[in-house]
Amino acid sequence: MMKNIRIAIIGCGNLGQAILKGLIDDHTYPTENITATKRHIEVLEPFQKEGVIITSDNAEAVRKSDLIIVALKPHNILHILEELSPDLNPDKHILVSLATGISTAQIEEAIGKKLPIFRAMPNTGADVNESLTCLCSVHDNETSVSQVEYFFNLIGKTITIDEDLMEAATVLGACGIAFVMRFMRAMVQGGIQIGFDAKTANIIVNQTVKGASQLLIERKQHPEFEIDKVTTPKGCTIAGLNEMEHHGFSSALIRGIVTSFEKI
């Protein structure tokens, strides 16, 4: 059973903690089967109160676990994996890396063993069980795939993509959280300028963005289809949209996405 699988989250920074919070808040997976690591372990003490095992010993966490989620930064993940290699068991472990730009081939070379290796790119929406996680693997082990998908589905939705699209997935799905937040902040600022207090503007913008997203998710229509429904001839909506486009709204967003991708 999936609930008997033990999870280690190695390197619980912001993303690792978001995943951890999502797993805890799901209330279907036993928290005592989760081990979380961080060099400064005191940061993880609130999770210990929820039943999570916390430690600064990565090797100990690996030995106790079946599914290992490595939430380390790209600059040190390969070095840490080399250190953990003696504790990795090809007959037991599934390894999931969250590091941008580090391929499955590099990971396999670092550990020097063949075992199910995945790359995953969730986002901080995991904190509220609304992550979009992109997954890829070079292995065709159906059991491993179903197990990895199961756990990431606990914190949101998952899709499987080719490995050569993982960096693009990082920009659109993970960096995209910040892009959307910046757009929302600008909407709130505009709302304040036209008369709302900050609290009221936040409520309106948050629900409006949530409603727009849900329309597209449920109706599966192109955004322009929904835009056309609220842009009447000579109306205020089309006037606002056209003014934004005159100042490069869409092109600025696209250029930002492409710039982030080129930075990777």
Protein backbone atom coordinates (compact mmCIF):
# COMPACT_ATOMS: atom_id res chain seq x y z
CA MET A 1 0.00 0.00 0.00
CA MET A 2 1.10 3.56 -0.75
CA LYS A 3 0.64 4.61 2.88
CA ASN A 4 3.31 2.11 3.93
CA ILE A 5 5.92 3.74 1.71
CA ARG A 6 8.33 5.86 3.71
CA ILE A 7 9.37 9.25 2.32
CA ALA A 8 12.53 11.27 2.86
CA ILE A 9 12.69 14.92 1.83
CA ILE A 10 16.37 15.81 1.66
CA GLY A 11 17.08 19.52 2.05
CA CYS A 12 13.85 21.13 3.20
CA GLY A 13 14.15 24.68 1.94
CA ASN A 14 11.13 26.65 0.73
CA LEU A 15 10.05 24.11 -1.87
CA GLY A 16 10.75 21.10 0.33
CA GLN A 17 8.75 22.66 3.15
CA ALA A 18 5.89 23.47 0.78
CA ILE A 19 5.73 19.80 -0.22
CA LEU A 20 5.94 18.77 3.43
CA LYS A 21 3.06 21.09 4.40
CA GLY A 22 1.00 19.77 1.52
CA LEU A 23 1.51 16.15 2.58
CA ILE A 24 0.60 17.01 6.17
CA ASP A 25 -2.52 18.99 5.22
CA ASP A 26 -3.75 16.22 2.90
CA HIS A 27 -4.48 14.14 6.04
CA THR A 28 -4.43 10.83 4.11
CA TYR A 29 -0.74 9.97 4.42
CA PRO A 30 0.76 9.12 7.84
CA THR A 31 3.19 11.84 8.85
CA GLU A 32 5.26 9.40 10.90
CA ASN A 33 6.38 7.89 7.57
CA ILE A 34 8.02 11.17 6.53
CA THR A 35 11.61 12.10 7.36
CA ALA A 36 12.74 15.65 6.60
CA THR A 37 16.32 16.90 6.66
CA LYS A 38 17.96 20.30 6.85
CA ARG A 39 21.34 21.49 8.03
CA HIS A 40 19.74 23.92 10.49
CA ILE A 41 17.22 21.49 11.89
CA GLU A 42 15.50 23.97 14.20
CA VAL A 43 13.63 25.36 11.19
CA LEU A 44 11.82 22.03 10.89
CA GLU A 45 10.73 21.77 14.54
CA PRO A 46 7.11 22.82 13.80
CA PHE A 47 6.82 19.78 11.50
CA GLN A 48 8.09 17.50 14.24
CA LYS A 49 5.01 18.45 16.26
CA GLU A 50 2.93 17.08 13.36
CA GLY A 51 4.64 13.68 13.64
CA VAL A 52 7.34 14.18 11.00
CA ILE A 53 10.79 12.79 11.80
CA ILE A 54 13.40 15.53 11.47
CA THR A 55 17.17 15.09 11.26
CA SER A 56 20.29 16.76 9.90
CA ASP A 57 21.66 13.35 8.87
CA ASN A 58 20.85 12.79 5.19
CA ALA A 59 22.23 9.26 5.17
CA GLU A 60 20.04 8.25 8.10
CA ALA A 61 16.99 9.64 6.31
CA VAL A 62 17.83 7.67 3.16
CA ARG A 63 18.31 4.42 5.05
CA LYS A 64 14.90 4.80 6.71
CA SER A 65 13.02 5.58 3.50
CA ASP A 66 11.78 4.12 0.22
CA LEU A 67 10.96 7.24 -1.81
CA ILE A 68 13.64 9.92 -1.63
CA ILE A 69 12.77 13.46 -2.73
CA VAL A 70 15.97 15.47 -3.10
CA ALA A 71 15.12 19.16 -2.74
CA LEU A 72 18.69 20.44 -2.90
CA LYS A 73 20.03 23.33 -4.98
CA PRO A 74 21.57 22.47 -8.37
CA HIS A 75 25.07 23.55 -7.29
CA ASN A 76 25.38 20.95 -4.53
CA ILE A 77 22.99 18.11 -5.38
CA LEU A 78 25.51 15.95 -7.26
CA HIS A 79 28.09 16.22 -4.49
CA ILE A 80 25.52 15.23 -1.86
CA LEU A 81 24.25 12.34 -3.99
CA GLU A 82 27.82 11.04 -4.35
CA GLU A 83 28.05 11.03 -0.55
CA LEU A 84 24.73 9.21 -0.25
CA SER A 85 25.55 6.59 -2.88
CA PRO A 86 26.60 3.88 -0.37
CA ASP A 87 23.18 4.17 1.31
CA LEU A 88 21.15 3.93 -1.91
CA ASN A 89 19.71 0.50 -2.63
CA PRO A 90 18.65 -0.24 -6.26
CA ASP A 91 16.23 -2.90 -5.01
CA LYS A 92 14.49 -0.54 -2.60
CA HIS A 93 14.85 3.14 -3.41
CA ILE A 94 13.15 5.51 -5.81
CA LEU A 95 14.99 8.81 -6.27
CA VAL A 96 13.23 12.06 -7.21
CA SER A 97 15.28 15.19 -7.91
CA LEU A 98 13.80 18.69 -7.82
CA ALA A 99 17.01 20.35 -9.04
CA THR A 100 16.71 22.53 -12.13
CA GLY A 101 19.19 21.81 -14.92
CA ILE A 102 20.54 18.53 -13.52
CA SER A 103 19.73 15.63 -15.84
CA THR A 104 18.82 12.08 -14.89
CA ALA A 105 22.05 10.98 -16.61
CA GLN A 106 24.10 13.26 -14.34
CA ILE A 107 22.28 11.93 -11.29
CA GLU A 108 22.85 8.31 -12.30
CA GLU A 109 26.54 9.03 -12.86
CA ALA A 110 26.82 10.70 -9.45
CA ILE A 111 25.29 7.78 -7.55
CA GLY A 112 26.98 5.14 -9.71
CA LYS A 113 23.96 2.83 -9.52
CA LYS A 114 20.92 2.06 -11.62
CA LEU A 115 17.67 2.69 -9.79
CA PRO A 116 14.42 4.46 -10.69
CA ILE A 117 15.35 8.13 -11.09
CA PHE A 118 12.79 10.89 -11.63
CA ARG A 119 12.96 14.61 -12.06
CA ALA A 120 10.03 16.58 -10.69
CA MET A 121 9.21 20.26 -10.87
CA PRO A 122 6.43 21.17 -8.44
CA ASN A 123 5.71 24.72 -7.34
CA THR A 124 5.00 26.38 -4.01
CA GLY A 125 1.27 25.84 -4.58
CA ALA A 126 2.09 22.51 -2.92
CA ASP A 127 1.75 24.39 0.36
CA VAL A 128 -2.03 24.53 -0.21
CA ASN A 129 -2.31 21.26 -2.21
CA GLU A 130 -2.52 23.15 -5.52
CA SER A 131 0.87 22.43 -7.07
CA LEU A 132 1.31 21.61 -10.72
CA THR A 133 4.13 19.06 -10.83
CA CYS A 134 5.85 18.13 -14.07
CA LEU A 135 7.48 14.70 -13.98
CA CYS A 136 9.93 12.86 -16.19
CA SER A 137 11.90 9.65 -15.95
CA VAL A 138 14.08 7.57 -18.22
CA HIS A 139 12.79 4.39 -16.58
CA ASP A 140 9.65 2.50 -17.60
CA ASN A 141 9.01 0.88 -14.24
CA GLU A 142 5.21 1.23 -13.95
CA THR A 143 5.23 0.59 -10.20
CA SER A 144 7.72 3.39 -9.58
CA VAL A 145 5.82 5.77 -11.86
CA SER A 146 2.52 5.11 -10.09
CA GLN A 147 4.11 5.60 -6.68
CA VAL A 148 5.74 8.91 -7.60
CA GLU A 149 2.55 10.18 -9.26
CA TYR A 150 0.50 9.17 -6.23
CA PHE A 151 2.54 11.24 -3.80
CA PHE A 152 2.78 14.33 -5.98
CA ASN A 153 -0.96 14.10 -6.66
CA LEU A 154 -1.46 14.50 -2.91
CA ILE A 155 -0.14 18.07 -3.22
CA GLY A 156 -1.91 19.02 -6.46
CA LYS A 157 -1.87 17.76 -10.04
CA THR A 158 0.86 16.04 -12.06
CA ILE A 159 1.66 15.77 -15.73
CA THR A 160 4.38 13.72 -17.43
CA ILE A 161 6.63 15.46 -19.94
CA ASP A 162 9.84 14.75 -21.86
CA GLU A 163 13.03 15.46 -19.97
CA ASP A 164 14.15 18.05 -22.51
CA LEU A 165 11.15 20.18 -21.47
CA MET A 166 11.93 20.17 -17.74
CA GLU A 167 13.71 23.54 -17.80
CA ALA A 168 10.78 25.06 -19.68
CA ALA A 169 8.46 23.52 -17.07
CA THR A 170 10.50 25.21 -14.34
CA VAL A 171 9.95 28.61 -15.92
CA LEU A 172 6.27 28.23 -16.77
CA GLY A 173 5.17 26.30 -13.67
CA ALA A 174 7.56 27.25 -10.87
CA CYS A 175 8.80 30.74 -11.85
CA GLY A 176 5.26 31.25 -13.14
CA ILE A 177 3.98 31.49 -9.57
CA ALA A 178 6.03 34.67 -9.13
CA PHE A 179 4.94 36.03 -12.52
CA VAL A 180 1.27 35.60 -11.61
CA MET A 181 1.85 37.11 -8.17
CA ARG A 182 3.46 40.19 -9.72
CA PHE A 183 0.51 40.58 -12.09
CA MET A 184 -1.88 40.29 -9.13
CA ARG A 185 0.09 42.84 -7.14
CA ALA A 186 -0.21 45.29 -10.03
CA MET A 187 -3.97 44.68 -10.17
CA VAL A 188 -4.23 45.45 -6.45
CA GLN A 189 -2.22 48.66 -6.92
CA GLY A 190 -4.54 49.67 -9.73
CA GLY A 191 -7.54 48.88 -7.55
CA ILE A 192 -6.22 51.15 -4.81
CA GLN A 193 -5.68 53.96 -7.30
CA ILE A 194 -9.31 53.79 -8.45
CA GLY A 195 -10.68 53.93 -4.92
CA PHE A 196 -10.49 50.64 -2.98
CA ASP A 197 -8.60 50.14 0.25
CA ALA A 198 -5.80 47.56 0.05
CA LYS A 199 -7.70 44.81 1.89
CA THR A 200 -10.77 45.06 -0.32
CA ALA A 201 -8.67 45.25 -3.49
CA ASN A 202 -6.83 42.08 -2.43
CA ILE A 203 -10.09 40.20 -1.89
CA ILE A 204 -11.46 41.24 -5.27
CA VAL A 205 -8.25 40.44 -7.17
CA ASN A 206 -7.63 37.09 -5.45
CA GLN A 207 -11.14 35.80 -6.15
CA THR A 208 -11.17 37.22 -9.67
CA VAL A 209 -7.93 35.42 -10.58
CA LYS A 210 -9.18 32.21 -8.94
CA GLY A 211 -12.45 32.44 -10.88
CA ALA A 212 -10.67 33.09 -14.18
CA SER A 213 -8.40 30.10 -13.65
CA GLN A 214 -11.30 27.83 -12.71
CA LEU A 215 -13.24 28.87 -15.83
CA LEU A 216 -10.35 27.75 -18.04
CA ILE A 217 -9.75 24.54 -16.07
CA GLU A 218 -13.37 23.42 -16.12
CA ARG A 219 -14.47 24.65 -19.55
CA LYS A 220 -11.17 23.84 -21.29
CA GLN A 221 -11.53 26.86 -23.54
CA HIS A 222 -8.81 29.12 -24.94
CA PRO A 223 -8.39 32.28 -22.80
CA GLU A 224 -9.44 34.43 -25.73
CA PHE A 225 -12.83 32.71 -25.75
CA GLU A 226 -13.53 33.89 -22.20
CA ILE A 227 -12.05 37.33 -22.93
CA ASP A 228 -14.47 37.80 -25.84
CA LYS A 229 -17.40 37.21 -23.48
CA VAL A 230 -16.56 40.31 -21.42
CA THR A 231 -15.34 42.67 -24.16
CA THR A 232 -18.33 44.55 -25.56
CA PRO A 233 -18.06 47.08 -28.41
CA LYS A 234 -16.79 50.46 -27.18
CA GLY A 235 -16.72 49.02 -23.65
CA CYS A 236 -14.37 49.64 -20.75
CA THR A 237 -12.84 46.14 -20.84
CA ILE A 238 -11.54 46.36 -24.40
CA ALA A 239 -10.33 49.90 -23.76
CA GLY A 240 -8.29 48.70 -20.79
CA LEU A 241 -6.94 45.67 -22.64
CA ASN A 242 -5.88 47.75 -25.63
CA GLU A 243 -4.12 50.27 -23.40
CA MET A 244 -2.20 47.45 -21.70
CA GLU A 245 -1.18 46.01 -25.07
CA HIS A 246 -0.09 49.45 -26.32
CA HIS A 247 2.36 49.46 -23.40
CA GLY A 248 3.63 45.93 -24.12
CA PHE A 249 1.73 43.86 -21.55
CA SER A 250 1.78 40.52 -23.43
CA SER A 251 5.19 41.05 -25.01
CA ALA A 252 6.74 41.97 -21.64
CA LEU A 253 5.39 38.78 -20.08
CA ILE A 254 6.60 36.63 -22.97
CA ARG A 255 10.02 38.29 -22.88
CA GLY A 256 10.23 37.64 -19.14
CA ILE A 257 9.44 33.95 -19.62
CA VAL A 258 12.02 33.61 -22.41
CA THR A 259 14.64 35.48 -20.35
CA SER A 260 14.13 33.14 -17.39
CA PHE A 261 14.45 30.15 -19.72
CA GLU A 262 17.68 31.50 -21.20
CA LYS A 263 19.05 32.07 -17.67
CA ILE A 264 18.58 28.36 -16.89
